[in-house]
C-alpha cells in the first residue's frame, strides 16, 4: 500500500499536468502572412502553393509589389502581396 505522502505527490503532479497542457498547446489555425507589410489581395483556388505564387507574381510586380504569399491552409487560398 502506498503512503499518503506518495498519493498526494502523484495527485499534485497529475493535477498540474492537467492544468498545464491546455495552456501550452496551440490551436490549429492558419497563421497570417509571415512578417509585416503584407496586403490582402483576394483569394483563388490553385492546385498548390507554388502554382499560386508563380501565377500571382506577375500581377504583384505589375502593381508595384515584389513578393507573393499564398495561404494554402484551405482549398481557396488567400493571396497577399508585399
PDB file of N, CA and C in Angstrom:
ATOM      1  N   UNK A   1       0.825  -1.170   0.000  1.00  0.00           N
ATOM      2  CA  UNK A   1       0.000   0.000   0.000  1.00  0.00           C
ATOM      3  C   UNK A   1       0.883   1.252   0.000  1.00  0.00           C
ATOM      4  N   UNK A   2       0.517   2.225  -0.821  1.00  0.00           N
ATOM      5  CA  UNK A   2       1.301   3.448  -0.915  1.00  0.00           C
ATOM      6  C   UNK A   2       0.945   4.402   0.213  1.00  0.00           C
ATOM      7  N   UNK A   3       1.947   5.163   0.635  1.00  0.00           N
ATOM      8  CA  UNK A   3       1.708   6.115   1.709  1.00  0.00           C
ATOM      9  C   UNK A   3       0.903   7.313   1.200  1.00  0.00           C
ATOM     10  N   UNK A   4       0.309   8.034   2.136  1.00  0.00           N
ATOM     11  CA  UNK A   4      -0.474   9.223   1.760  1.00  0.00           C
ATOM     12  C   UNK A   4       0.420  10.280   1.140  1.00  0.00           C
ATOM     13  N   UNK A   5       1.652  10.365   1.570  1.00  0.00           N
ATOM     14  CA  UNK A   5       2.579  11.343   1.008  1.00  0.00           C
ATOM     15  C   UNK A   5       2.803  11.066  -0.479  1.00  0.00           C
ATOM     16  N   UNK A   6       2.960   9.801  -0.856  1.00  0.00           N
ATOM     17  CA  UNK A   6       3.138   9.414  -2.252  1.00  0.00           C
ATOM     18  C   UNK A   6       1.877   9.703  -3.053  1.00  0.00           C
ATOM     19  N   UNK A   7       0.743   9.359  -2.501  1.00  0.00           N
ATOM     20  CA  UNK A   7      -0.524   9.586  -3.201  1.00  0.00           C
ATOM     21  C   UNK A   7      -0.778  11.074  -3.431  1.00  0.00           C
ATOM     22  N   UNK A   8      -0.487  11.898  -2.440  1.00  0.00           N
ATOM     23  CA  UNK A   8      -0.672  13.343  -2.589  1.00  0.00           C
ATOM     24  C   UNK A   8       0.286  13.896  -3.635  1.00  0.00           C
ATOM     25  N   UNK A   9       1.516  13.436  -3.612  1.00  0.00           N
ATOM     26  CA  UNK A   9       2.502  13.892  -4.604  1.00  0.00           C
ATOM     27  C   UNK A   9       2.098  13.538  -6.021  1.00  0.00           C
ATOM     28  N   UNK A  10       1.640  12.318  -6.215  1.00  0.00           N
ATOM     29  CA  UNK A  10       1.192  11.883  -7.547  1.00  0.00           C
ATOM     30  C   UNK A  10      -0.046  12.682  -7.966  1.00  0.00           C
ATOM     31  N   UNK A  11      -0.969  12.887  -7.029  1.00  0.00           N
ATOM     32  CA  UNK A  11      -2.180  13.664  -7.332  1.00  0.00           C
ATOM     33  C   UNK A  11      -1.854  15.086  -7.739  1.00  0.00           C
ATOM     34  N   UNK A  12      -0.898  15.718  -7.040  1.00  0.00           N
ATOM     35  CA  UNK A  12      -0.499  17.080  -7.397  1.00  0.00           C
ATOM     36  C   UNK A  12       0.174  17.127  -8.768  1.00  0.00           C
ATOM     37  N   UNK A  13       0.999  16.134  -9.067  1.00  0.00           N
ATOM     38  CA  UNK A  13       1.666  16.096 -10.370  1.00  0.00           C
ATOM     39  C   UNK A  13       0.660  15.910 -11.504  1.00  0.00           C
ATOM     40  N   UNK A  14      -0.298  15.028 -11.318  1.00  0.00           N
ATOM     41  CA  UNK A  14      -1.326  14.804 -12.332  1.00  0.00           C
ATOM     42  C   UNK A  14      -2.181  16.053 -12.504  1.00  0.00           C
ATOM     43  N   UNK A  15      -2.536  16.691 -11.395  1.00  0.00           N
ATOM     44  CA  UNK A  15      -3.330  17.917 -11.462  1.00  0.00           C
ATOM     45  C   UNK A  15      -2.593  19.040 -12.165  1.00  0.00           C
ATOM     46  N   UNK A  16      -1.302  19.197 -11.888  1.00  0.00           N
ATOM     47  CA  UNK A  16      -0.509  20.239 -12.542  1.00  0.00           C
ATOM     48  C   UNK A  16      -0.413  19.979 -14.045  1.00  0.00           C
ATOM     49  N   UNK A  17      -0.248  18.727 -14.419  1.00  0.00           N
ATOM     50  CA  UNK A  17      -0.180  18.390 -15.847  1.00  0.00           C
ATOM     51  C   UNK A  17      -1.516  18.663 -16.533  1.00  0.00           C
ATOM     52  N   UNK A  18      -2.615  18.376 -15.846  1.00  0.00           N
ATOM     53  CA  UNK A  18      -3.939  18.598 -16.429  1.00  0.00           C
ATOM     54  C   UNK A  18      -4.193  20.085 -16.657  1.00  0.00           C
ATOM     55  N   UNK A  19      -3.638  20.925 -15.813  1.00  0.00           N
ATOM     56  CA  UNK A  19      -3.795  22.371 -15.974  1.00  0.00           C
ATOM     57  C   UNK A  19      -2.813  22.913 -17.006  1.00  0.00           C
ATOM     58  N   UNK A  20      -1.594  22.395 -17.030  1.00  0.00           N
ATOM     59  CA  UNK A  20      -0.555  22.921 -17.917  1.00  0.00           C
ATOM     60  C   UNK A  20      -0.791  22.588 -19.380  1.00  0.00           C
ATOM     61  N   UNK A  21      -1.327  21.436 -19.693  1.00  0.00           N
ATOM     62  CA  UNK A  21      -1.493  21.008 -21.088  1.00  0.00           C
ATOM     63  C   UNK A  21      -2.365  21.973 -21.892  1.00  0.00           C
ATOM     64  N   UNK A  22      -3.536  22.403 -21.411  1.00  0.00           N
ATOM     65  CA  UNK A  22      -4.324  23.341 -22.211  1.00  0.00           C
ATOM     66  C   UNK A  22      -3.638  24.691 -22.422  1.00  0.00           C
ATOM     67  N   UNK A  23      -2.819  25.113 -21.463  1.00  0.00           N
ATOM     68  CA  UNK A  23      -2.146  26.399 -21.601  1.00  0.00           C
ATOM     69  C   UNK A  23      -0.943  26.343 -22.539  1.00  0.00           C
ATOM     70  N   UNK A  24      -0.330  25.193 -22.680  1.00  0.00           N
ATOM     71  CA  UNK A  24       0.855  25.094 -23.522  1.00  0.00           C
ATOM     72  C   UNK A  24       0.552  24.634 -24.934  1.00  0.00           C
ATOM     73  N   UNK A  25      -0.608  24.054 -25.160  1.00  0.00           N
ATOM     74  CA  UNK A  25      -0.929  23.602 -26.511  1.00  0.00           C
ATOM     75  C   UNK A  25      -1.469  24.771 -27.323  1.00  0.00           C
ATOM     76  N   UNK A  26      -1.281  24.698 -28.618  1.00  0.00           N
ATOM     77  CA  UNK A  26      -1.769  25.751 -29.501  1.00  0.00           C
ATOM     78  C   UNK A  26      -2.897  25.211 -30.350  1.00  0.00           C
ATOM     79  N   UNK A  27      -3.774  26.069 -30.734  1.00  0.00           N
ATOM     80  CA  UNK A  27      -4.870  25.638 -31.586  1.00  0.00           C
ATOM     81  C   UNK A  27      -4.392  25.574 -33.028  1.00  0.00           C
ATOM     82  N   UNK A  28      -5.049  24.766 -33.816  1.00  0.00           N
ATOM     83  CA  UNK A  28      -4.670  24.609 -35.217  1.00  0.00           C
ATOM     84  C   UNK A  28      -5.467  25.608 -36.043  1.00  0.00           C
ATOM     85  N   UNK A  29      -4.845  26.717 -36.364  1.00  0.00           N
ATOM     86  CA  UNK A  29      -5.480  27.705 -37.214  1.00  0.00           C
ATOM     87  C   UNK A  29      -4.436  28.251 -38.168  1.00  0.00           C
ATOM     88  N   UNK A  30      -4.885  28.793 -39.247  1.00  0.00           N
ATOM     89  CA  UNK A  30      -3.968  29.325 -40.240  1.00  0.00           C
ATOM     90  C   UNK A  30      -3.392  30.645 -39.738  1.00  0.00           C
ATOM     91  N   UNK A  31      -2.101  30.735 -39.743  1.00  0.00           N
ATOM     92  CA  UNK A  31      -1.454  31.968 -39.332  1.00  0.00           C
ATOM     93  C   UNK A  31      -1.472  32.965 -40.473  1.00  0.00           C
ATOM     94  N   UNK A  32      -1.329  34.204 -40.136  1.00  0.00           N
ATOM     95  CA  UNK A  32      -1.260  35.249 -41.155  1.00  0.00           C
ATOM     96  C   UNK A  32       0.043  35.174 -41.925  1.00  0.00           C
ATOM     97  N   UNK A  33       0.205  36.040 -42.871  1.00  0.00           N
ATOM     98  CA  UNK A  33       1.437  36.009 -43.660  1.00  0.00           C
ATOM     99  C   UNK A  33       2.647  36.301 -42.787  1.00  0.00           C
ATOM    100  N   UNK A  34       3.787  35.787 -43.185  1.00  0.00           N
ATOM    101  CA  UNK A  34       4.984  35.987 -42.378  1.00  0.00           C
ATOM    102  C   UNK A  34       5.445  37.438 -42.423  1.00  0.00           C
ATOM    103  N   UNK A  35       5.740  37.998 -41.279  1.00  0.00           N
ATOM    104  CA  UNK A  35       6.261  39.357 -41.224  1.00  0.00           C
ATOM    105  C   UNK A  35       5.199  40.426 -41.405  1.00  0.00           C
ATOM    106  N   UNK A  36       5.656  41.660 -41.547  1.00  0.00           N
ATOM    107  CA  UNK A  36       4.756  42.800 -41.659  1.00  0.00           C
ATOM    108  C   UNK A  36       4.758  43.348 -43.081  1.00  0.00           C
ATOM    109  N   UNK A  37       3.763  44.140 -43.373  1.00  0.00           N
ATOM    110  CA  UNK A  37       3.700  44.818 -44.661  1.00  0.00           C
ATOM    111  C   UNK A  37       2.946  44.080 -45.745  1.00  0.00           C
ATOM    112  N   UNK A  38       2.312  42.968 -45.425  1.00  0.00           N
ATOM    113  CA  UNK A  38       1.573  42.201 -46.418  1.00  0.00           C
ATOM    114  C   UNK A  38       0.187  42.808 -46.617  1.00  0.00           C
ATOM    115  N   UNK A  39      -0.252  42.870 -47.866  1.00  0.00           N
ATOM    116  CA  UNK A  39      -1.540  43.450 -48.219  1.00  0.00           C
ATOM    117  C   UNK A  39      -2.420  42.350 -48.813  1.00  0.00           C
ATOM    118  N   UNK A  40      -3.611  42.191 -48.256  1.00  0.00           N
ATOM    119  CA  UNK A  40      -4.551  41.187 -48.755  1.00  0.00           C
ATOM    120  C   UNK A  40      -4.991  41.557 -50.167  1.00  0.00           C
ATOM    121  N   UNK A  41      -4.906  40.601 -51.102  1.00  0.00           N
ATOM    122  CA  UNK A  41      -5.285  40.857 -52.484  1.00  0.00           C
ATOM    123  C   UNK A  41      -6.529  40.106 -52.907  1.00  0.00           C
ATOM    124  N   UNK A  42      -6.855  39.039 -52.215  1.00  0.00           N
ATOM    125  CA  UNK A  42      -8.032  38.256 -52.575  1.00  0.00           C
ATOM    126  C   UNK A  42      -7.797  36.794 -52.298  1.00  0.00           C
ATOM    127  N   UNK A  43      -8.575  35.955 -52.980  1.00  0.00           N
ATOM    128  CA  UNK A  43      -8.454  34.513 -52.787  1.00  0.00           C
ATOM    129  C   UNK A  43      -8.843  33.809 -54.083  1.00  0.00           C
ATOM    130  N   UNK A  44      -8.199  32.684 -54.328  1.00  0.00           N
ATOM    131  CA  UNK A  44      -8.484  31.914 -55.530  1.00  0.00           C
ATOM    132  C   UNK A  44      -8.033  30.473 -55.308  1.00  0.00           C
ATOM    133  N   UNK A  45      -8.603  29.563 -56.053  1.00  0.00           N
ATOM    134  CA  UNK A  45      -8.233  28.150 -55.954  1.00  0.00           C
ATOM    135  C   UNK A  45      -7.061  27.858 -56.880  1.00  0.00           C
ATOM    136  N   UNK A  46      -6.044  27.212 -56.350  1.00  0.00           N
ATOM    137  CA  UNK A  46      -4.868  26.777 -57.106  1.00  0.00           C
ATOM    138  C   UNK A  46      -4.552  25.343 -56.702  1.00  0.00           C
ATOM    139  N   UNK A  47      -3.882  24.589 -57.557  1.00  0.00           N
ATOM    140  CA  UNK A  47      -3.549  23.202 -57.203  1.00  0.00           C
ATOM    141  C   UNK A  47      -2.480  23.086 -56.118  1.00  0.00           C
ATOM    142  N   UNK A  48      -1.636  24.126 -55.986  1.00  0.00           N
ATOM    143  CA  UNK A  48      -0.583  24.084 -54.973  1.00  0.00           C
ATOM    144  C   UNK A  48      -0.161  25.506 -54.610  1.00  0.00           C
ATOM    145  N   UNK A  49       0.560  25.621 -53.513  1.00  0.00           N
ATOM    146  CA  UNK A  49       1.079  26.925 -53.071  1.00  0.00           C
ATOM    147  C   UNK A  49       2.058  27.479 -54.100  1.00  0.00           C
ATOM    148  N   UNK A  50       2.907  26.620 -54.634  1.00  0.00           N
ATOM    149  CA  UNK A  50       3.889  27.061 -55.629  1.00  0.00           C
ATOM    150  C   UNK A  50       3.196  27.579 -56.893  1.00  0.00           C
ATOM    151  N   UNK A  51       2.139  26.896 -57.321  1.00  0.00           N
ATOM    152  CA  UNK A  51       1.404  27.341 -58.509  1.00  0.00           C
ATOM    153  C   UNK A  51       0.742  28.685 -58.251  1.00  0.00           C
ATOM    154  N   UNK A  52       0.207  28.865 -57.065  1.00  0.00           N
ATOM    155  CA  UNK A  52      -0.425  30.131 -56.701  1.00  0.00           C
ATOM    156  C   UNK A  52       0.585  31.274 -56.746  1.00  0.00           C
ATOM    157  N   UNK A  53       1.709  31.079 -56.090  1.00  0.00           N
ATOM    158  CA  UNK A  53       2.704  32.146 -56.020  1.00  0.00           C
ATOM    159  C   UNK A  53       3.320  32.437 -57.382  1.00  0.00           C
ATOM    160  N   UNK A  54       3.545  31.417 -58.195  1.00  0.00           N
ATOM    161  CA  UNK A  54       4.103  31.635 -59.538  1.00  0.00           C
ATOM    162  C   UNK A  54       3.106  32.366 -60.428  1.00  0.00           C
ATOM    163  N   UNK A  55       1.847  32.030 -60.321  1.00  0.00           N
ATOM    164  CA  UNK A  55       0.823  32.665 -61.140  1.00  0.00           C
ATOM    165  C   UNK A  55       0.559  34.106 -60.718  1.00  0.00           C
ATOM    166  N   UNK A  56       0.639  34.388 -59.436  1.00  0.00           N
ATOM    167  CA  UNK A  56       0.324  35.715 -58.917  1.00  0.00           C
ATOM    168  C   UNK A  56       1.492  36.693 -58.979  1.00  0.00           C
ATOM    169  N   UNK A  57       2.716  36.218 -59.089  1.00  0.00           N
ATOM    170  CA  UNK A  57       3.881  37.108 -59.074  1.00  0.00           C
ATOM    171  C   UNK A  57       3.855  38.158 -60.186  1.00  0.00           C
ATOM    172  N   UNK A  58       3.525  37.824 -61.443  1.00  0.00           N
ATOM    173  CA  UNK A  58       3.462  38.875 -62.462  1.00  0.00           C
ATOM    174  C   UNK A  58       2.430  39.964 -62.125  1.00  0.00           C
ATOM    175  N   UNK A  59       1.290  39.567 -61.559  1.00  0.00           N
ATOM    176  CA  UNK A  59       0.277  40.550 -61.155  1.00  0.00           C
ATOM    177  C   UNK A  59       0.809  41.451 -60.040  1.00  0.00           C
ATOM    178  N   UNK A  60       1.527  40.849 -59.099  1.00  0.00           N
ATOM    179  CA  UNK A  60       2.085  41.620 -57.989  1.00  0.00           C
ATOM    180  C   UNK A  60       3.089  42.643 -58.511  1.00  0.00           C
ATOM    181  N   UNK A  61       3.981  42.211 -59.396  1.00  0.00           N
ATOM    182  CA  UNK A  61       5.000  43.122 -59.939  1.00  0.00           C
ATOM    183  C   UNK A  61       4.367  44.234 -60.767  1.00  0.00           C
ATOM    184  N   UNK A  62       3.302  43.916 -61.493  1.00  0.00           N
ATOM    185  CA  UNK A  62       2.609  44.926 -62.292  1.00  0.00           C
ATOM    186  C   UNK A  62       1.949  45.987 -61.409  1.00  0.00           C
ATOM    187  N   UNK A  63       1.658  45.637 -60.174  1.00  0.00           N
ATOM    188  CA  UNK A  63       1.019  46.571 -59.251  1.00  0.00           C
ATOM    189  C   UNK A  63       1.989  47.167 -58.238  1.00  0.00           C
ATOM    190  N   UNK A  64       3.293  47.024 -58.470  1.00  0.00           N
ATOM    191  CA  UNK A  64       4.295  47.651 -57.614  1.00  0.00           C
ATOM    192  C   UNK A  64       4.731  46.855 -56.402  1.00  0.00           C
ATOM    193  N   UNK A  65       4.371  45.579 -56.333  1.00  0.00           N
ATOM    194  CA  UNK A  65       4.795  44.724 -55.224  1.00  0.00           C
ATOM    195  C   UNK A  65       5.922  43.809 -55.699  1.00  0.00           C
ATOM    196  N   UNK A  66       6.665  43.233 -54.758  1.00  0.00           N
ATOM    197  CA  UNK A  66       7.797  42.372 -55.098  1.00  0.00           C
ATOM    198  C   UNK A  66       7.620  40.914 -54.691  1.00  0.00           C
ATOM    199  N   UNK A  67       6.694  40.651 -53.759  1.00  0.00           N
ATOM    200  CA  UNK A  67       6.544  39.300 -53.229  1.00  0.00           C
ATOM    201  C   UNK A  67       5.081  38.881 -53.203  1.00  0.00           C
ATOM    202  N   UNK A  68       4.883  37.554 -53.231  1.00  0.00           N
ATOM    203  CA  UNK A  68       3.551  36.969 -53.128  1.00  0.00           C
ATOM    204  C   UNK A  68       3.604  35.894 -52.055  1.00  0.00           C
ATOM    205  N   UNK A  69       2.560  35.830 -51.238  1.00  0.00           N
ATOM    206  CA  UNK A  69       2.437  34.762 -50.254  1.00  0.00           C
ATOM    207  C   UNK A  69       1.021  34.232 -50.326  1.00  0.00           C
ATOM    208  N   UNK A  70       0.871  32.924 -50.541  1.00  0.00           N
ATOM    209  CA  UNK A  70      -0.432  32.269 -50.620  1.00  0.00           C
ATOM    210  C   UNK A  70      -0.619  31.376 -49.406  1.00  0.00           C
ATOM    211  N   UNK A  71      -1.758  31.535 -48.735  1.00  0.00           N
ATOM    212  CA  UNK A  71      -2.090  30.732 -47.566  1.00  0.00           C
ATOM    213  C   UNK A  71      -2.754  29.450 -48.048  1.00  0.00           C
ATOM    214  N   UNK A  72      -2.031  28.351 -48.006  1.00  0.00           N
ATOM    215  CA  UNK A  72      -2.525  27.080 -48.549  1.00  0.00           C
ATOM    216  C   UNK A  72      -3.226  26.215 -47.501  1.00  0.00           C
ATOM    217  N   UNK A  73      -3.720  26.812 -46.419  1.00  0.00           N
ATOM    218  CA  UNK A  73      -4.407  26.028 -45.395  1.00  0.00           C
ATOM    219  C   UNK A  73      -5.831  25.656 -45.813  1.00  0.00           C
ATOM    220  N   UNK A  74      -6.350  26.279 -46.859  1.00  0.00           N
ATOM    221  CA  UNK A  74      -7.685  25.965 -47.366  1.00  0.00           C
ATOM    222  C   UNK A  74      -7.610  25.757 -48.875  1.00  0.00           C
ATOM    223  N   UNK A  75      -8.662  25.181 -49.451  1.00  0.00           N
ATOM    224  CA  UNK A  75      -8.686  24.925 -50.892  1.00  0.00           C
ATOM    225  C   UNK A  75      -8.616  26.227 -51.679  1.00  0.00           C
ATOM    226  N   UNK A  76      -9.378  27.214 -51.253  1.00  0.00           N
ATOM    227  CA  UNK A  76      -9.299  28.535 -51.882  1.00  0.00           C
ATOM    228  C   UNK A  76      -8.287  29.343 -51.080  1.00  0.00           C
ATOM    229  N   UNK A  77      -7.149  29.618 -51.688  1.00  0.00           N
ATOM    230  CA  UNK A  77      -6.026  30.229 -50.987  1.00  0.00           C
ATOM    231  C   UNK A  77      -6.173  31.740 -50.917  1.00  0.00           C
ATOM    232  N   UNK A  78      -5.894  32.280 -49.743  1.00  0.00           N
ATOM    233  CA  UNK A  78      -5.866  33.725 -49.562  1.00  0.00           C
ATOM    234  C   UNK A  78      -4.522  34.209 -50.094  1.00  0.00           C
ATOM    235  N   UNK A  79      -4.538  35.315 -50.845  1.00  0.00           N
ATOM    236  CA  UNK A  79      -3.340  35.800 -51.527  1.00  0.00           C
ATOM    237  C   UNK A  79      -2.951  37.157 -50.955  1.00  0.00           C
ATOM    238  N   UNK A  80      -1.671  37.292 -50.605  1.00  0.00           N
ATOM    239  CA  UNK A  80      -1.123  38.540 -50.077  1.00  0.00           C
ATOM    240  C   UNK A  80       0.028  38.985 -50.952  1.00  0.00           C
ATOM    241  N   UNK A  81       0.172  40.294 -51.107  1.00  0.00           N
ATOM    242  CA  UNK A  81       1.313  40.885 -51.817  1.00  0.00           C
ATOM    243  C   UNK A  81       2.099  41.756 -50.844  1.00  0.00           C
ATOM    244  N   UNK A  82       3.393  41.853 -51.122  1.00  0.00           N
ATOM    245  CA  UNK A  82       4.254  42.788 -50.368  1.00  0.00           C
ATOM    246  C   UNK A  82       5.326  43.288 -51.305  1.00  0.00           C
TER     247      UNK A  82
END
